[in-house]
Each structure stands twice: as structure tokens, then as C-alpha cells.
Amino acid sequence: MNQLKAFIVEDSPVIRENLVAALEELAPIEVVGTAEDEPSAVRWLAESDNDCDLVVVDIFLKSGSGLGVLKAAATTNQSKKLVVLSNYATPDMRRKCLELGADRVFDKSNEIDALILYCCRIAEGGSGQTDFSSGL
């Protein structure tokens, strides 16, 4: 199983710290960077010496939005997996995120286990695609 390098974009320090801890403990992931707003995330993703396999993005950020981060990430490197983790994972928002290049959208309130499973499957060399009951 490969260890994935992940970049986390989350504005809440508590959620960010808990997410980093959960991902690094429960999946083969090393978090190599974090950002709390769109400009910082876009800047980090654009720097050529910053490399990651997975970008986890929240929709609502301190400034800007996760949608802007998705747009930027989708254009910088197609090999990254782009995942949205948000409390605002409505069907319309899921659709919008997928249109902007997200590979998957997870709801913070009840799909953390699915996110961990997704990360493990990617690390095993899979696409991460499974039959998740939550749709998209």
C-alpha cells in the first residue's frame, strides 16, 4: 500500500487538526500542507515544489471558497485526487463540485468513514470508486 501525500483546505483549526489526526492514523496518509482560505490554497497548489496525491477541500473558507480551490486544483495537476469534505454536501452542491473537477464529495457529519475508505482504496492503487450508498 502506498502512502498518499495530502493537502487539506479547512478553515476551522479544530476540524483541521482532527481531520489530519484521523487521516494519518486511519489511512496511509501523510499530510504535507494545510490552508484555511482560497488564496493560500491556490498559492500552495501552484508552487512547483509542493507535491501531493490528494487534496481535501471544504466549501466554506475564511476567504474565498472551496469551489475556487477546486477550479485551481483541477487545472494545475490532473493526477491529484480532489475531494470535497463539507457540511454543505447537498445534491446541488455535490453536482457543482463534481462539475468543477472533484472526484468525490463527502459530508462531514456522516461520511468520514467513507472518506477514510476512499483514501485507503486509492493508496492500494485503486480509483477509489466503490458503491457508496450516499450517491455521487
C-alpha atoms as a PDB file:
ATOM      1  CA  MET A   1       0.000   0.000   0.000  1.00  0.00           C
ATOM      2  CA  ASN A   2       1.384   3.394  -0.992  1.00  0.00           C
ATOM      3  CA  GLN A   3       1.441   6.335   1.399  1.00  0.00           C
ATOM      4  CA  LEU A   4      -0.513   9.255  -0.010  1.00  0.00           C
ATOM      5  CA  LYS A   5       0.586  12.852   0.396  1.00  0.00           C
ATOM      6  CA  ALA A   6      -2.423  15.010   1.220  1.00  0.00           C
ATOM      7  CA  PHE A   7      -3.115  18.739   1.256  1.00  0.00           C
ATOM      8  CA  ILE A   8      -6.010  19.868   3.485  1.00  0.00           C
ATOM      9  CA  VAL A   9      -8.032  23.054   2.929  1.00  0.00           C
ATOM     10  CA  GLU A  10     -10.179  23.685   6.011  1.00  0.00           C
ATOM     11  CA  ASP A  11     -10.798  26.959   7.857  1.00  0.00           C
ATOM     12  CA  SER A  12     -11.680  25.564  11.282  1.00  0.00           C
ATOM     13  CA  PRO A  13      -8.497  24.846  13.287  1.00  0.00           C
ATOM     14  CA  VAL A  14     -10.273  22.225  15.413  1.00  0.00           C
ATOM     15  CA  ILE A  15     -11.739  20.371  12.428  1.00  0.00           C
ATOM     16  CA  ARG A  16      -8.445  20.660  10.530  1.00  0.00           C
ATOM     17  CA  GLU A  17      -6.428  19.201  13.422  1.00  0.00           C
ATOM     18  CA  ASN A  18      -8.928  16.378  13.975  1.00  0.00           C
ATOM     19  CA  LEU A  19      -9.056  15.589  10.266  1.00  0.00           C
ATOM     20  CA  VAL A  20      -5.265  15.480   9.963  1.00  0.00           C
ATOM     21  CA  ALA A  21      -5.063  13.191  13.009  1.00  0.00           C
ATOM     22  CA  ALA A  22      -7.809  10.871  11.716  1.00  0.00           C
ATOM     23  CA  LEU A  23      -6.405  10.621   8.185  1.00  0.00           C
ATOM     24  CA  GLU A  24      -2.848   9.978   9.364  1.00  0.00           C
ATOM     25  CA  GLU A  25      -3.974   7.401  11.936  1.00  0.00           C
ATOM     26  CA  LEU A  26      -6.613   5.517   9.944  1.00  0.00           C
ATOM     27  CA  ALA A  27      -5.306   5.698   6.371  1.00  0.00           C
ATOM     28  CA  PRO A  28      -1.848   5.571   4.779  1.00  0.00           C
ATOM     29  CA  ILE A  29      -1.669   9.358   4.535  1.00  0.00           C
ATOM     30  CA  GLU A  30       0.935  11.980   5.298  1.00  0.00           C
ATOM     31  CA  VAL A  31      -0.483  15.499   5.404  1.00  0.00           C
ATOM     32  CA  VAL A  32       2.119  17.671   3.678  1.00  0.00           C
ATOM     33  CA  GLY A  33       0.315  21.003   3.875  1.00  0.00           C
ATOM     34  CA  THR A  34      -2.791  22.857   5.001  1.00  0.00           C
ATOM     35  CA  ALA A  35      -4.562  26.113   4.204  1.00  0.00           C
ATOM     36  CA  GLU A  36      -7.518  27.939   5.734  1.00  0.00           C
ATOM     37  CA  ASP A  37      -8.510  30.119   2.765  1.00  0.00           C
ATOM     38  CA  GLU A  38      -8.707  30.026  -1.024  1.00  0.00           C
ATOM     39  CA  PRO A  39      -5.731  32.342  -1.787  1.00  0.00           C
ATOM     40  CA  SER A  40      -3.340  30.334   0.423  1.00  0.00           C
ATOM     41  CA  ALA A  41      -4.554  27.025  -1.007  1.00  0.00           C
ATOM     42  CA  VAL A  42      -4.260  28.188  -4.622  1.00  0.00           C
ATOM     43  CA  ARG A  43      -0.787  29.578  -3.950  1.00  0.00           C
ATOM     44  CA  TRP A  44       0.354  26.295  -2.323  1.00  0.00           C
ATOM     45  CA  LEU A  45      -1.038  24.196  -5.190  1.00  0.00           C
ATOM     46  CA  ALA A  46       0.637  26.423  -7.800  1.00  0.00           C
ATOM     47  CA  GLU A  47       4.125  26.101  -6.293  1.00  0.00           C
ATOM     48  CA  SER A  48       6.032  23.542  -8.334  1.00  0.00           C
ATOM     49  CA  ASP A  49       7.924  22.043  -5.408  1.00  0.00           C
ATOM     50  CA  ASN A  50       4.707  21.264  -3.494  1.00  0.00           C
ATOM     51  CA  ASP A  51       3.537  17.788  -4.393  1.00  0.00           C
ATOM     52  CA  CYS A  52       0.537  15.818  -3.209  1.00  0.00           C
ATOM     53  CA  ASP A  53      -1.677  12.952  -4.325  1.00  0.00           C
ATOM     54  CA  LEU A  54      -4.875  14.091  -2.636  1.00  0.00           C
ATOM     55  CA  VAL A  55      -6.465  17.476  -1.977  1.00  0.00           C
ATOM     56  CA  VAL A  56      -9.270  17.591   0.618  1.00  0.00           C
ATOM     57  CA  VAL A  57     -11.291  20.811   0.397  1.00  0.00           C
ATOM     58  CA  ASP A  58     -14.070  22.356   2.483  1.00  0.00           C
ATOM     59  CA  ILE A  59     -16.591  24.559   0.637  1.00  0.00           C
ATOM     60  CA  PHE A  60     -16.781  27.458   3.104  1.00  0.00           C
ATOM     61  CA  LEU A  61     -13.407  29.012   3.939  1.00  0.00           C
ATOM     62  CA  LYS A  62     -12.114  32.098   5.792  1.00  0.00           C
ATOM     63  CA  SER A  63     -11.866  33.912   2.462  1.00  0.00           C
ATOM     64  CA  GLY A  64     -12.787  32.698  -0.981  1.00  0.00           C
ATOM     65  CA  SER A  65     -14.350  29.264  -1.252  1.00  0.00           C
ATOM     66  CA  GLY A  66     -13.564  25.645  -1.854  1.00  0.00           C
ATOM     67  CA  LEU A  67     -15.107  25.982  -5.303  1.00  0.00           C
ATOM     68  CA  GLY A  68     -12.290  28.335  -6.308  1.00  0.00           C
ATOM     69  CA  VAL A  69      -9.744  25.896  -4.890  1.00  0.00           C
ATOM     70  CA  LEU A  70     -11.314  23.086  -6.943  1.00  0.00           C
ATOM     71  CA  LYS A  71     -11.090  25.154 -10.127  1.00  0.00           C
ATOM     72  CA  ALA A  72      -7.424  25.951  -9.485  1.00  0.00           C
ATOM     73  CA  ALA A  73      -6.505  22.404  -8.443  1.00  0.00           C
ATOM     74  CA  ALA A  74      -8.241  20.858 -11.449  1.00  0.00           C
ATOM     75  CA  THR A  75      -6.118  22.976 -13.796  1.00  0.00           C
ATOM     76  CA  THR A  76      -2.750  22.589 -12.047  1.00  0.00           C
ATOM     77  CA  ASN A  77      -2.299  18.823 -11.998  1.00  0.00           C
ATOM     78  CA  GLN A  78      -4.687  16.217 -13.305  1.00  0.00           C
ATOM     79  CA  SER A  79      -3.087  13.365 -11.350  1.00  0.00           C
ATOM     80  CA  LYS A  80      -4.251  14.688  -7.966  1.00  0.00           C
ATOM     81  CA  LYS A  81      -7.415  13.276  -6.463  1.00  0.00           C
ATOM     82  CA  LEU A  82      -9.727  16.132  -5.480  1.00  0.00           C
ATOM     83  CA  VAL A  83     -12.139  15.502  -2.629  1.00  0.00           C
ATOM     84  CA  VAL A  84     -14.663  17.838  -1.049  1.00  0.00           C
ATOM     85  CA  LEU A  85     -15.461  17.377   2.653  1.00  0.00           C
ATOM     86  CA  SER A  86     -18.224  19.738   3.703  1.00  0.00           C
ATOM     87  CA  ASN A  87     -21.262  20.129   5.927  1.00  0.00           C
ATOM     88  CA  TYR A  88     -22.959  21.578   2.852  1.00  0.00           C
ATOM     89  CA  ALA A  89     -22.993  18.416   0.712  1.00  0.00           C
ATOM     90  CA  THR A  90     -26.450  18.951  -0.769  1.00  0.00           C
ATOM     91  CA  PRO A  91     -27.277  17.240  -4.077  1.00  0.00           C
ATOM     92  CA  ASP A  92     -26.848  20.558  -5.943  1.00  0.00           C
ATOM     93  CA  MET A  93     -23.506  21.286  -4.258  1.00  0.00           C
ATOM     94  CA  ARG A  94     -22.289  17.730  -4.929  1.00  0.00           C
ATOM     95  CA  ARG A  95     -23.135  18.172  -8.608  1.00  0.00           C
ATOM     96  CA  LYS A  96     -21.401  21.557  -8.766  1.00  0.00           C
ATOM     97  CA  CYS A  97     -18.242  20.179  -7.107  1.00  0.00           C
ATOM     98  CA  LEU A  98     -18.104  17.219  -9.497  1.00  0.00           C
ATOM     99  CA  GLU A  99     -18.535  19.596 -12.462  1.00  0.00           C
ATOM    100  CA  LEU A 100     -15.557  21.628 -11.173  1.00  0.00           C
ATOM    101  CA  GLY A 101     -13.329  18.560 -11.058  1.00  0.00           C
ATOM    102  CA  ALA A 102     -13.926  16.921  -7.673  1.00  0.00           C
ATOM    103  CA  ASP A 103     -13.538  13.151  -7.755  1.00  0.00           C
ATOM    104  CA  ARG A 104     -15.780  12.665  -4.718  1.00  0.00           C
ATOM    105  CA  VAL A 105     -17.852  14.704  -2.275  1.00  0.00           C
ATOM    106  CA  PHE A 106     -18.241  13.650   1.360  1.00  0.00           C
ATOM    107  CA  ASP A 107     -20.468  15.067   4.097  1.00  0.00           C
ATOM    108  CA  LYS A 108     -18.520  15.955   7.263  1.00  0.00           C
ATOM    109  CA  SER A 109     -21.400  14.959   9.509  1.00  0.00           C
ATOM    110  CA  ASN A 110     -21.803  11.353   8.391  1.00  0.00           C
ATOM    111  CA  GLU A 111     -19.303  10.307   5.705  1.00  0.00           C
ATOM    112  CA  ILE A 112     -15.885  10.463   7.419  1.00  0.00           C
ATOM    113  CA  ASP A 113     -15.672   6.653   7.369  1.00  0.00           C
ATOM    114  CA  ALA A 114     -16.387   6.694   3.634  1.00  0.00           C
ATOM    115  CA  LEU A 115     -13.594   9.265   3.148  1.00  0.00           C
ATOM    116  CA  ILE A 116     -11.137   7.041   5.074  1.00  0.00           C
ATOM    117  CA  LEU A 117     -12.174   4.016   2.981  1.00  0.00           C
ATOM    118  CA  TYR A 118     -11.788   6.068  -0.211  1.00  0.00           C
ATOM    119  CA  CYS A 119      -8.260   7.113   0.811  1.00  0.00           C
ATOM    120  CA  CYS A 120      -7.298   3.519   1.624  1.00  0.00           C
ATOM    121  CA  ARG A 121      -8.557   2.321  -1.763  1.00  0.00           C
ATOM    122  CA  ILE A 122      -6.560   4.994  -3.593  1.00  0.00           C
ATOM    123  CA  ALA A 123      -3.453   4.062  -1.592  1.00  0.00           C
ATOM    124  CA  GLU A 124      -3.938   0.446  -2.671  1.00  0.00           C
ATOM    125  CA  GLY A 125      -3.718   1.635  -6.271  1.00  0.00           C
ATOM    126  CA  GLY A 126      -7.424   1.715  -7.000  1.00  0.00           C
ATOM    127  CA  SER A 127      -9.563   4.515  -8.322  1.00  0.00           C
ATOM    128  CA  GLY A 128     -11.369   4.900  -5.034  1.00  0.00           C
ATOM    129  CA  GLN A 129     -14.633   4.194  -6.812  1.00  0.00           C
ATOM    130  CA  THR A 130     -16.954   1.974  -4.813  1.00  0.00           C
ATOM    131  CA  ASP A 131     -20.624   1.501  -4.353  1.00  0.00           C
ATOM    132  CA  PHE A 132     -21.178   4.130  -1.678  1.00  0.00           C
ATOM    133  CA  SER A 133     -24.785   4.321  -0.596  1.00  0.00           C
ATOM    134  CA  SER A 134     -24.718   8.122  -0.332  1.00  0.00           C
ATOM    135  CA  GLY A 135     -24.695   8.631  -4.090  1.00  0.00           C
ATOM    136  CA  LEU A 136     -22.413  10.760  -6.203  1.00  0.00           C
END
